Amino acid sequence: MIQEIYIIDDDDSSIVIFRELFKNDPEYKFISVKSDQIDIALKNIPSLIVINEDAIDRDVIDLCRKIRKDEDNTITPVIVVSSNGSKQHRMKILQESIEYYIKKPVDEEYLYYTVKNLNRLLSINRRISPLTGLPGNVQIHAELKKRLSRKTPFCVLYLDLDNFKSYNDVYGFLKGDQIIEFTAEVIVREIHDSQLQDSFIGHIGGDDFVAIVDGLNCERLCQNILARFDANVTKYFTDEDLERGYIEVPNRKGIIEQFPLTSLSIGVVVADTNRFHNILEIGEVGAQVKHAAKSVMGSSYAVDRRK
């Protein structure tokens, strides 16, 4: 994947240095941007921004603030390179949520690895759900492979919201995000309160979650998760919908359809020693058992113990 890095300077003095430094790293693309073109540049959401303070014709603090206030670049890492050695000046820049302040003269090797490591960290963070802060599919797959290699028994919980699309249609995506965050909090809290050793929680995406716990008996955990979910999910519905016990959604033909209130289903795969040879087998069984749980009205769980 190409990493586009914007070099902010008004005299093009820095771009040559960076291109030479990264001449053996074809995945890095350096683009020179004039300080008065920053509005246009930010629309492209670069991987990293480097500001050469000595080579711009505007206040660097204002420039940093402008970058951080841009909603598409709130997490884009920024490095300021400057000959200003004042601690007060350095602190003012760092207070604008700027990641690094590098004082000139610059050690080129230090600059090289600073850029590389910042991009590595950002790449890792992109694998984490920005909504829930939980690990995504890459880490989930790695964790399952690790558990299989240990050859010790564990359980995989596949958790999924019921009637979530209908909820989004009625309440909107922002409320939908809130109920997803709430679900993640319920799962994390119950696993934490259960004091389960070496547990893992991941966010597959959307309203789908995974939890991996040691041992073969996790029914009490499932019961506690569902109980906490059902007791608190009511705050995400209007009093009218709660009183009715369902939500009304117009279909494509404009006909009103009724859907039950959002509930939670858990499909549990018991991974006894040597039952599975790879994570694809676990995923296939997980889909089957989650389907079984979702066939039951309301919050429920189903456990697959087949040998």
C-alpha atoms as a PDB file:
ATOM      1  CA  MET A   1       0.000   0.000   0.000  1.00  0.00           C
ATOM      2  CA  ILE A   2       1.398   3.402  -1.009  1.00  0.00           C
ATOM      3  CA  GLN A   3       1.995   5.777   1.909  1.00  0.00           C
ATOM      4  CA  GLU A   4       1.493   9.362   0.763  1.00  0.00           C
ATOM      5  CA  ILE A   5       3.465  11.783   2.920  1.00  0.00           C
ATOM      6  CA  TYR A   6       3.022  15.527   2.546  1.00  0.00           C
ATOM      7  CA  ILE A   7       6.043  17.751   3.042  1.00  0.00           C
ATOM      8  CA  ILE A   8       4.838  21.270   3.902  1.00  0.00           C
ATOM      9  CA  ASP A   9       7.363  23.890   2.797  1.00  0.00           C
ATOM     10  CA  ASP A  10       7.348  26.881   0.471  1.00  0.00           C
ATOM     11  CA  ASP A  11      10.762  26.473  -1.125  1.00  0.00           C
ATOM     12  CA  ASP A  12      10.877  22.718  -1.955  1.00  0.00           C
ATOM     13  CA  SER A  13      14.042  22.366   0.112  1.00  0.00           C
ATOM     14  CA  SER A  14      12.869  19.287   2.006  1.00  0.00           C
ATOM     15  CA  ILE A  15      11.361  17.074  -0.657  1.00  0.00           C
ATOM     16  CA  VAL A  16      14.741  16.200  -2.188  1.00  0.00           C
ATOM     17  CA  ILE A  17      16.068  15.060   1.189  1.00  0.00           C
ATOM     18  CA  PHE A  18      13.106  12.779   1.872  1.00  0.00           C
ATOM     19  CA  ARG A  19      13.112  11.234  -1.575  1.00  0.00           C
ATOM     20  CA  GLU A  20      16.777  10.434  -1.208  1.00  0.00           C
ATOM     21  CA  LEU A  21      16.288   9.011   2.286  1.00  0.00           C
ATOM     22  CA  PHE A  22      13.500   6.687   1.101  1.00  0.00           C
ATOM     23  CA  LYS A  23      14.850   5.840  -2.348  1.00  0.00           C
ATOM     24  CA  ASN A  24      14.845   2.135  -1.424  1.00  0.00           C
ATOM     25  CA  ASP A  25      11.285   2.243  -0.042  1.00  0.00           C
ATOM     26  CA  PRO A  26       8.966   2.372  -3.075  1.00  0.00           C
ATOM     27  CA  GLU A  27       5.852   2.202  -0.877  1.00  0.00           C
ATOM     28  CA  TYR A  28       6.533   5.773   0.318  1.00  0.00           C
ATOM     29  CA  LYS A  29       5.471   8.659  -1.895  1.00  0.00           C
ATOM     30  CA  PHE A  30       6.516  12.191  -0.899  1.00  0.00           C
ATOM     31  CA  ILE A  31       4.529  15.167  -2.133  1.00  0.00           C
ATOM     32  CA  SER A  32       5.606  18.779  -1.709  1.00  0.00           C
ATOM     33  CA  VAL A  33       2.792  21.087  -0.585  1.00  0.00           C
ATOM     34  CA  LYS A  34       2.916  24.862  -0.269  1.00  0.00           C
ATOM     35  CA  SER A  35       1.561  26.205   3.019  1.00  0.00           C
ATOM     36  CA  ASP A  36      -1.148  28.203   1.236  1.00  0.00           C
ATOM     37  CA  GLN A  37      -2.379  24.991  -0.442  1.00  0.00           C
ATOM     38  CA  ILE A  38      -2.981  23.114   2.789  1.00  0.00           C
ATOM     39  CA  ASP A  39      -6.800  23.214   2.430  1.00  0.00           C
ATOM     40  CA  ILE A  40      -6.625  21.382  -0.886  1.00  0.00           C
ATOM     41  CA  ALA A  41      -4.013  18.916   0.349  1.00  0.00           C
ATOM     42  CA  LEU A  42      -5.934  17.902   3.474  1.00  0.00           C
ATOM     43  CA  LYS A  43      -8.850  16.674   1.381  1.00  0.00           C
ATOM     44  CA  ASN A  44      -6.661  13.776   0.210  1.00  0.00           C
ATOM     45  CA  ILE A  45      -5.994  12.599   3.811  1.00  0.00           C
ATOM     46  CA  PRO A  46      -2.253  11.798   3.702  1.00  0.00           C
ATOM     47  CA  SER A  47      -0.615   9.076   5.782  1.00  0.00           C
ATOM     48  CA  LEU A  48       1.714  11.589   7.433  1.00  0.00           C
ATOM     49  CA  ILE A  49       2.451  15.324   7.357  1.00  0.00           C
ATOM     50  CA  VAL A  50       5.911  16.829   7.842  1.00  0.00           C
ATOM     51  CA  ILE A  51       6.151  20.608   8.342  1.00  0.00           C
ATOM     52  CA  ASN A  52       9.470  22.350   7.704  1.00  0.00           C
ATOM     53  CA  GLU A  53       8.868  25.404   9.897  1.00  0.00           C
ATOM     54  CA  ASP A  54      11.895  27.282   8.551  1.00  0.00           C
ATOM     55  CA  ALA A  55      10.530  27.084   5.006  1.00  0.00           C
ATOM     56  CA  ILE A  56       6.933  28.284   5.422  1.00  0.00           C
ATOM     57  CA  ASP A  57       5.555  31.825   5.275  1.00  0.00           C
ATOM     58  CA  ARG A  58       2.864  31.425   7.914  1.00  0.00           C
ATOM     59  CA  ASP A  59       2.645  30.830  11.652  1.00  0.00           C
ATOM     60  CA  VAL A  60       3.335  27.190  12.382  1.00  0.00           C
ATOM     61  CA  ILE A  61       0.968  27.107  15.385  1.00  0.00           C
ATOM     62  CA  ASP A  62      -1.935  28.267  13.227  1.00  0.00           C
ATOM     63  CA  LEU A  63      -0.993  25.703  10.598  1.00  0.00           C
ATOM     64  CA  CYS A  64      -0.954  22.897  13.188  1.00  0.00           C
ATOM     65  CA  ARG A  65      -4.340  23.974  14.519  1.00  0.00           C
ATOM     66  CA  LYS A  66      -5.793  24.019  11.023  1.00  0.00           C
ATOM     67  CA  ILE A  67      -4.619  20.454  10.421  1.00  0.00           C
ATOM     68  CA  ARG A  68      -5.972  19.182  13.728  1.00  0.00           C
ATOM     69  CA  LYS A  69      -9.350  20.890  13.284  1.00  0.00           C
ATOM     70  CA  ASP A  70      -9.835  19.199   9.916  1.00  0.00           C
ATOM     71  CA  GLU A  71     -12.200  16.317  10.741  1.00  0.00           C
ATOM     72  CA  ASP A  72     -10.630  14.001   8.152  1.00  0.00           C
ATOM     73  CA  ASN A  73      -7.125  14.466   9.581  1.00  0.00           C
ATOM     74  CA  THR A  74      -7.668  14.366  13.321  1.00  0.00           C
ATOM     75  CA  ILE A  75      -5.501  11.220  13.576  1.00  0.00           C
ATOM     76  CA  THR A  76      -3.027  12.004  10.780  1.00  0.00           C
ATOM     77  CA  PRO A  77       0.436  12.109  12.428  1.00  0.00           C
ATOM     78  CA  VAL A  78       2.314  15.405  12.123  1.00  0.00           C
ATOM     79  CA  ILE A  79       6.055  16.061  12.487  1.00  0.00           C
ATOM     80  CA  VAL A  80       7.389  19.593  12.820  1.00  0.00           C
ATOM     81  CA  VAL A  81      11.052  20.114  11.878  1.00  0.00           C
ATOM     82  CA  SER A  82      12.509  23.434  13.032  1.00  0.00           C
ATOM     83  CA  SER A  83      15.700  25.283  13.955  1.00  0.00           C
ATOM     84  CA  ASN A  84      13.880  27.003  16.840  1.00  0.00           C
ATOM     85  CA  GLY A  85      15.396  25.517  19.978  1.00  0.00           C
ATOM     86  CA  SER A  86      13.122  27.313  22.457  1.00  0.00           C
ATOM     87  CA  LYS A  87      11.439  24.906  24.875  1.00  0.00           C
ATOM     88  CA  GLN A  88       8.435  27.221  25.112  1.00  0.00           C
ATOM     89  CA  HIS A  89       7.996  27.148  21.336  1.00  0.00           C
ATOM     90  CA  ARG A  90       8.348  23.365  21.267  1.00  0.00           C
ATOM     91  CA  MET A  91       5.745  22.955  24.024  1.00  0.00           C
ATOM     92  CA  LYS A  92       3.265  25.210  22.217  1.00  0.00           C
ATOM     93  CA  ILE A  93       3.497  23.006  19.143  1.00  0.00           C
ATOM     94  CA  LEU A  94       3.177  19.753  21.074  1.00  0.00           C
ATOM     95  CA  GLN A  95       0.132  21.170  22.885  1.00  0.00           C
ATOM     96  CA  GLU A  96      -1.614  21.256  19.506  1.00  0.00           C
ATOM     97  CA  SER A  97      -1.565  17.401  19.501  1.00  0.00           C
ATOM     98  CA  ILE A  98       1.451  17.249  17.209  1.00  0.00           C
ATOM     99  CA  GLU A  99       3.282  13.937  17.523  1.00  0.00           C
ATOM    100  CA  TYR A 100       6.944  14.963  17.057  1.00  0.00           C
ATOM    101  CA  TYR A 101       9.085  18.101  17.148  1.00  0.00           C
ATOM    102  CA  ILE A 102      12.521  17.529  15.644  1.00  0.00           C
ATOM    103  CA  LYS A 103      15.153  20.213  16.060  1.00  0.00           C
ATOM    104  CA  LYS A 104      17.623  21.010  13.301  1.00  0.00           C
ATOM    105  CA  PRO A 105      20.226  20.013  12.369  1.00  0.00           C
ATOM    106  CA  VAL A 106      18.403  16.767  11.722  1.00  0.00           C
ATOM    107  CA  ASP A 107      20.014  13.378  11.992  1.00  0.00           C
ATOM    108  CA  GLU A 108      18.798  11.788   8.752  1.00  0.00           C
ATOM    109  CA  GLU A 109      18.811   8.260  10.129  1.00  0.00           C
ATOM    110  CA  TYR A 110      16.745   9.410  13.130  1.00  0.00           C
ATOM    111  CA  LEU A 111      14.286  11.138  10.792  1.00  0.00           C
ATOM    112  CA  TYR A 112      14.064   8.049   8.587  1.00  0.00           C
ATOM    113  CA  TYR A 113      13.086   5.716  11.427  1.00  0.00           C
ATOM    114  CA  THR A 114      10.751   8.253  13.008  1.00  0.00           C
ATOM    115  CA  VAL A 115       8.736   8.377   9.783  1.00  0.00           C
ATOM    116  CA  LYS A 116       8.835   4.589   9.354  1.00  0.00           C
ATOM    117  CA  ASN A 117       7.740   3.880  12.927  1.00  0.00           C
ATOM    118  CA  LEU A 118       4.936   6.438  12.887  1.00  0.00           C
ATOM    119  CA  ASN A 119       3.510   4.825   9.756  1.00  0.00           C
ATOM    120  CA  ARG A 120       3.866   1.371  11.290  1.00  0.00           C
ATOM    121  CA  LEU A 121       1.951   2.508  14.374  1.00  0.00           C
ATOM    122  CA  LEU A 122      -0.785   4.067  12.245  1.00  0.00           C
ATOM    123  CA  SER A 123      -1.047   0.876  10.222  1.00  0.00           C
ATOM    124  CA  ILE A 124      -1.559  -1.106  13.429  1.00  0.00           C
ATOM    125  CA  ASN A 125      -4.155   1.360  14.688  1.00  0.00           C
ATOM    126  CA  ARG A 126      -6.099   1.055  11.442  1.00  0.00           C
ATOM    127  CA  ARG A 127      -6.614  -2.614  12.253  1.00  0.00           C
ATOM    128  CA  ILE A 128      -8.490  -1.605  15.386  1.00  0.00           C
ATOM    129  CA  SER A 129     -12.144  -0.618  15.211  1.00  0.00           C
ATOM    130  CA  PRO A 130     -12.325   3.173  15.522  1.00  0.00           C
ATOM    131  CA  LEU A 131     -15.818   2.824  16.980  1.00  0.00           C
ATOM    132  CA  THR A 132     -15.171   0.318  19.769  1.00  0.00           C
ATOM    133  CA  GLY A 133     -11.380   0.328  20.087  1.00  0.00           C
ATOM    134  CA  LEU A 134     -11.400  -3.478  19.822  1.00  0.00           C
ATOM    135  CA  PRO A 135      -9.050  -5.522  17.603  1.00  0.00           C
ATOM    136  CA  GLY A 136     -10.265  -6.285  14.094  1.00  0.00           C
ATOM    137  CA  ASN A 137     -10.090  -9.293  11.779  1.00  0.00           C
ATOM    138  CA  VAL A 138      -6.294  -9.430  11.477  1.00  0.00           C
ATOM    139  CA  GLN A 139      -5.829  -9.790  15.227  1.00  0.00           C
ATOM    140  CA  ILE A 140      -8.844 -12.100  15.555  1.00  0.00           C
ATOM    141  CA  HIS A 141      -7.379 -14.531  13.019  1.00  0.00           C
ATOM    142  CA  ALA A 142      -3.958 -14.340  14.671  1.00  0.00           C
ATOM    143  CA  GLU A 143      -5.475 -15.058  18.086  1.00  0.00           C
ATOM    144  CA  LEU A 144      -7.410 -18.081  16.810  1.00  0.00           C
ATOM    145  CA  LYS A 145      -4.282 -19.487  15.164  1.00  0.00           C
ATOM    146  CA  LYS A 146      -2.367 -18.989  18.401  1.00  0.00           C
ATOM    147  CA  ARG A 147      -5.041 -20.825  20.409  1.00  0.00           C
ATOM    148  CA  LEU A 148      -5.072 -23.734  17.974  1.00  0.00           C
ATOM    149  CA  SER A 149      -1.291 -24.043  18.127  1.00  0.00           C
ATOM    150  CA  ARG A 150      -1.398 -24.330  21.918  1.00  0.00           C
ATOM    151  CA  LYS A 151      -3.614 -27.431  21.650  1.00  0.00           C
ATOM    152  CA  THR A 152      -5.537 -26.459  24.776  1.00  0.00           C
ATOM    153  CA  PRO A 153      -9.357 -26.222  24.920  1.00  0.00           C
ATOM    154  CA  PHE A 154     -11.099 -22.879  24.459  1.00  0.00           C
ATOM    155  CA  CYS A 155     -14.481 -21.412  23.520  1.00  0.00           C
ATOM    156  CA  VAL A 156     -15.252 -18.948  20.757  1.00  0.00           C
ATOM    157  CA  LEU A 157     -18.300 -16.726  21.201  1.00  0.00           C
ATOM    158  CA  TYR A 158     -19.782 -15.193  18.060  1.00  0.00           C
ATOM    159  CA  LEU A 159     -22.034 -12.301  19.091  1.00  0.00           C
ATOM    160  CA  ASP A 160     -24.467 -10.561  16.761  1.00  0.00           C
ATOM    161  CA  LEU A 161     -27.284  -8.031  17.191  1.00  0.00           C
ATOM    162  CA  ASP A 162     -30.749  -9.078  16.029  1.00  0.00           C
ATOM    163  CA  ASN A 163     -32.897  -6.715  13.918  1.00  0.00           C
ATOM    164  CA  PHE A 164     -30.072  -4.181  13.821  1.00  0.00           C
ATOM    165  CA  LYS A 165     -30.844  -3.036  10.267  1.00  0.00           C
ATOM    166  CA  SER A 166     -34.391  -2.212  11.310  1.00  0.00           C
ATOM    167  CA  TYR A 167     -33.059  -0.253  14.268  1.00  0.00           C
ATOM    168  CA  ASN A 168     -30.787   1.764  11.945  1.00  0.00           C
ATOM    169  CA  ASP A 169     -33.676   2.439   9.573  1.00  0.00           C
ATOM    170  CA  VAL A 170     -35.784   3.916  12.384  1.00  0.00           C
ATOM    171  CA  TYR A 171     -33.234   5.583  14.659  1.00  0.00           C
ATOM    172  CA  GLY A 172     -30.428   6.430  12.224  1.00  0.00           C
ATOM    173  CA  PHE A 173     -26.766   5.479  11.953  1.00  0.00           C
ATOM    174  CA  LEU A 174     -25.563   7.633  14.846  1.00  0.00           C
ATOM    175  CA  LYS A 175     -27.896   5.823  17.249  1.00  0.00           C
ATOM    176  CA  GLY A 176     -26.841   2.584  15.581  1.00  0.00           C
ATOM    177  CA  ASP A 177     -23.215   3.357  16.398  1.00  0.00           C
ATOM    178  CA  GLN A 178     -24.199   4.030  19.999  1.00  0.00           C
ATOM    179  CA  ILE A 179     -25.870   0.646  20.384  1.00  0.00           C
ATOM    180  CA  ILE A 180     -22.798  -1.045  18.885  1.00  0.00           C
ATOM    181  CA  GLU A 181     -20.565   0.773  21.388  1.00  0.00           C
ATOM    182  CA  PHE A 182     -22.923  -0.262  24.168  1.00  0.00           C
ATOM    183  CA  THR A 183     -22.758  -3.914  23.060  1.00  0.00           C
ATOM    184  CA  ALA A 184     -18.953  -3.808  23.086  1.00  0.00           C
ATOM    185  CA  GLU A 185     -18.996  -2.341  26.606  1.00  0.00           C
ATOM    186  CA  VAL A 186     -21.326  -5.103  27.808  1.00  0.00           C
ATOM    187  CA  ILE A 187     -19.076  -7.847  26.428  1.00  0.00           C
ATOM    188  CA  VAL A 188     -15.890  -6.289  27.810  1.00  0.00           C
ATOM    189  CA  ARG A 189     -17.426  -5.625  31.231  1.00  0.00           C
ATOM    190  CA  GLU A 190     -18.844  -9.121  31.685  1.00  0.00           C
ATOM    191  CA  ILE A 191     -15.653 -10.870  30.619  1.00  0.00           C
ATOM    192  CA  HIS A 192     -13.669  -8.569  32.899  1.00  0.00           C
ATOM    193  CA  ASP A 193     -16.039  -9.143  35.835  1.00  0.00           C
ATOM    194  CA  SER A 194     -15.900 -12.902  35.275  1.00  0.00           C
ATOM    195  CA  GLN A 195     -12.134 -12.695  35.875  1.00  0.00           C
ATOM    196  CA  LEU A 196     -11.456 -15.051  32.997  1.00  0.00           C
ATOM    197  CA  GLN A 197      -7.775 -15.543  32.377  1.00  0.00           C
ATOM    198  CA  ASP A 198      -6.263 -14.926  28.940  1.00  0.00           C
ATOM    199  CA  SER A 199      -9.490 -13.770  27.283  1.00  0.00           C
ATOM    200  CA  PHE A 200      -9.711 -11.939  23.940  1.00  0.00           C
ATOM    201  CA  ILE A 201     -12.444  -9.706  22.523  1.00  0.00           C
ATOM    202  CA  GLY A 202     -12.578  -8.606  18.887  1.00  0.00           C
ATOM    203  CA  HIS A 203     -14.866  -6.556  16.650  1.00  0.00           C
ATOM    204  CA  ILE A 204     -15.389  -8.291  13.302  1.00  0.00           C
ATOM    205  CA  GLY A 205     -17.226  -5.255  11.985  1.00  0.00           C
ATOM    206  CA  GLY A 206     -20.708  -3.759  12.052  1.00  0.00           C
ATOM    207  CA  ASP A 207     -22.712  -5.473  14.785  1.00  0.00           C
ATOM    208  CA  ASP A 208     -20.575  -8.647  14.865  1.00  0.00           C
ATOM    209  CA  PHE A 209     -18.190  -9.459  17.721  1.00  0.00           C
ATOM    210  CA  VAL A 210     -15.974 -12.335  18.815  1.00  0.00           C
ATOM    211  CA  ALA A 211     -14.834 -13.348  22.269  1.00  0.00           C
ATOM    212  CA  ILE A 212     -12.324 -16.127  22.956  1.00  0.00           C
ATOM    213  CA  VAL A 213     -11.971 -17.609  26.439  1.00  0.00           C
ATOM    214  CA  ASP A 214     -10.058 -20.534  27.882  1.00  0.00           C
ATOM    215  CA  GLY A 215     -11.861 -23.706  28.949  1.00  0.00           C
ATOM    216  CA  LEU A 216     -14.932 -25.503  27.692  1.00  0.00           C
ATOM    217  CA  ASN A 217     -17.710 -24.087  29.879  1.00  0.00           C
ATOM    218  CA  CYS A 218     -18.843 -20.555  29.104  1.00  0.00           C
ATOM    219  CA  GLU A 219     -22.609 -20.821  29.504  1.00  0.00           C
ATOM    220  CA  ARG A 220     -22.652 -18.691  32.653  1.00  0.00           C
ATOM    221  CA  LEU A 221     -20.708 -16.007  30.794  1.00  0.00           C
ATOM    222  CA  CYS A 222     -23.255 -16.053  27.947  1.00  0.00           C
ATOM    223  CA  GLN A 223     -26.119 -15.774  30.427  1.00  0.00           C
ATOM    224  CA  ASN A 224     -24.492 -12.807  32.165  1.00  0.00           C
ATOM    225  CA  ILE A 225     -23.786 -10.995  28.877  1.00  0.00           C
ATOM    226  CA  LEU A 226     -27.384 -11.403  27.722  1.00  0.00           C
ATOM    227  CA  ALA A 227     -28.786 -10.367  31.102  1.00  0.00           C
ATOM    228  CA  ARG A 228     -26.720  -7.170  31.195  1.00  0.00           C
ATOM    229  CA  PHE A 229     -27.564  -6.416  27.569  1.00  0.00           C
ATOM    230  CA  ASP A 230     -31.328  -6.858  28.007  1.00  0.00           C
ATOM    231  CA  ALA A 231     -31.359  -4.849  31.232  1.00  0.00           C
ATOM    232  CA  ASN A 232     -29.702  -1.800  29.659  1.00  0.00           C
ATOM    233  CA  VAL A 233     -30.539  -1.811  25.949  1.00  0.00           C
ATOM    234  CA  THR A 234     -33.946  -0.275  26.696  1.00  0.00           C
ATOM    235  CA  LYS A 235     -32.387   3.188  27.006  1.00  0.00           C
ATOM    236  CA  TYR A 236     -31.768   3.180  23.253  1.00  0.00           C
ATOM    237  CA  PHE A 237     -35.495   3.025  22.452  1.00  0.00           C
ATOM    238  CA  THR A 238     -38.309   5.522  22.798  1.00  0.00           C
ATOM    239  CA  ASP A 239     -40.943   4.949  25.475  1.00  0.00           C
ATOM    240  CA  GLU A 240     -43.475   4.395  22.717  1.00  0.00           C
ATOM    241  CA  ASP A 241     -41.478   1.576  21.114  1.00  0.00           C
ATOM    242  CA  LEU A 242     -40.770   0.021  24.509  1.00  0.00           C
ATOM    243  CA  GLU A 243     -44.461   0.035  25.384  1.00  0.00           C
ATOM    244  CA  ARG A 244     -45.381  -1.560  22.064  1.00  0.00           C
ATOM    245  CA  GLY A 245     -42.543  -4.064  22.270  1.00  0.00           C
ATOM    246  CA  TYR A 246     -41.594  -3.611  18.611  1.00  0.00           C
ATOM    247  CA  ILE A 247     -40.555  -0.981  16.067  1.00  0.00           C
ATOM    248  CA  GLU A 248     -42.356  -0.085  12.850  1.00  0.00           C
ATOM    249  CA  VAL A 249     -40.380   0.165   9.618  1.00  0.00           C
ATOM    250  CA  PRO A 250     -41.799   1.019   6.169  1.00  0.00           C
ATOM    251  CA  ASN A 251     -40.570  -1.369   3.484  1.00  0.00           C
ATOM    252  CA  ARG A 252     -39.709  -0.435  -0.116  1.00  0.00           C
ATOM    253  CA  LYS A 253     -43.374  -0.401  -1.047  1.00  0.00           C
ATOM    254  CA  GLY A 254     -44.233   1.909   1.837  1.00  0.00           C
ATOM    255  CA  ILE A 255     -45.977  -0.815   3.790  1.00  0.00           C
ATOM    256  CA  ILE A 256     -45.342  -0.659   7.549  1.00  0.00           C
ATOM    257  CA  GLU A 257     -43.675  -3.770   8.952  1.00  0.00           C
ATOM    258  CA  GLN A 258     -43.153  -4.665  12.585  1.00  0.00           C
ATOM    259  CA  PHE A 259     -39.814  -5.865  13.968  1.00  0.00           C
ATOM    260  CA  PRO A 260     -38.911  -6.978  17.492  1.00  0.00           C
ATOM    261  CA  LEU A 261     -36.712  -4.723  19.598  1.00  0.00           C
ATOM    262  CA  THR A 262     -32.982  -5.234  19.126  1.00  0.00           C
ATOM    263  CA  SER A 263     -31.665  -8.259  20.994  1.00  0.00           C
ATOM    264  CA  LEU A 264     -28.362 -10.143  21.150  1.00  0.00           C
ATOM    265  CA  SER A 265     -27.562 -13.640  19.908  1.00  0.00           C
ATOM    266  CA  ILE A 266     -24.481 -15.660  20.837  1.00  0.00           C
ATOM    267  CA  GLY A 267     -23.252 -18.724  18.998  1.00  0.00           C
ATOM    268  CA  VAL A 268     -20.637 -20.663  20.960  1.00  0.00           C
ATOM    269  CA  VAL A 269     -18.091 -23.014  19.399  1.00  0.00           C
ATOM    270  CA  VAL A 270     -16.409 -25.341  21.870  1.00  0.00           C
ATOM    271  CA  ALA A 271     -12.907 -25.940  20.543  1.00  0.00           C
ATOM    272  CA  ASP A 272     -11.886 -29.068  22.401  1.00  0.00           C
ATOM    273  CA  THR A 273      -8.340 -30.310  21.948  1.00  0.00           C
ATOM    274  CA  ASN A 274      -7.740 -31.445  18.349  1.00  0.00           C
ATOM    275  CA  ARG A 275     -11.360 -30.783  17.283  1.00  0.00           C
ATOM    276  CA  PHE A 276     -10.345 -28.198  14.682  1.00  0.00           C
ATOM    277  CA  HIS A 277      -7.376 -28.111  12.331  1.00  0.00           C
ATOM    278  CA  ASN A 278      -7.686 -24.504  11.152  1.00  0.00           C
ATOM    279  CA  ILE A 279      -9.624 -21.309  11.785  1.00  0.00           C
ATOM    280  CA  LEU A 280     -11.812 -21.796   8.688  1.00  0.00           C
ATOM    281  CA  GLU A 281     -13.392 -24.825  10.321  1.00  0.00           C
ATOM    282  CA  ILE A 282     -14.100 -22.791  13.454  1.00  0.00           C
ATOM    283  CA  GLY A 283     -15.670 -20.037  11.374  1.00  0.00           C
ATOM    284  CA  GLU A 284     -17.953 -22.461   9.518  1.00  0.00           C
ATOM    285  CA  VAL A 285     -19.245 -24.017  12.725  1.00  0.00           C
ATOM    286  CA  GLY A 286     -19.551 -20.561  14.258  1.00  0.00           C
ATOM    287  CA  ALA A 287     -21.835 -19.418  11.438  1.00  0.00           C
ATOM    288  CA  GLN A 288     -24.036 -22.474  11.927  1.00  0.00           C
ATOM    289  CA  VAL A 289     -24.407 -22.144  15.674  1.00  0.00           C
ATOM    290  CA  LYS A 290     -24.968 -18.386  15.521  1.00  0.00           C
ATOM    291  CA  HIS A 291     -27.761 -19.010  13.023  1.00  0.00           C
ATOM    292  CA  ALA A 292     -29.299 -21.423  15.512  1.00  0.00           C
ATOM    293  CA  ALA A 293     -29.159 -18.791  18.264  1.00  0.00           C
ATOM    294  CA  LYS A 294     -30.715 -16.138  16.004  1.00  0.00           C
ATOM    295  CA  SER A 295     -33.639 -18.426  15.156  1.00  0.00           C
ATOM    296  CA  VAL A 296     -34.866 -17.983  18.736  1.00  0.00           C
ATOM    297  CA  MET A 297     -36.931 -14.871  19.483  1.00  0.00           C
ATOM    298  CA  GLY A 298     -35.160 -12.386  21.758  1.00  0.00           C
ATOM    299  CA  SER A 299     -31.678 -12.580  23.248  1.00  0.00           C
ATOM    300  CA  SER A 300     -30.377 -16.146  23.295  1.00  0.00           C
ATOM    301  CA  TYR A 301     -27.320 -18.333  22.984  1.00  0.00           C
ATOM    302  CA  ALA A 302     -26.566 -21.703  21.452  1.00  0.00           C
ATOM    303  CA  VAL A 303     -23.591 -23.964  22.091  1.00  0.00           C
ATOM    304  CA  ASP A 304     -22.056 -26.388  19.583  1.00  0.00           C
ATOM    305  CA  ARG A 305     -20.256 -29.259  21.296  1.00  0.00           C
ATOM    306  CA  ARG A 306     -20.121 -31.681  18.393  1.00  0.00           C
ATOM    307  CA  LYS A 307     -17.001 -33.786  18.217  1.00  0.00           C
END
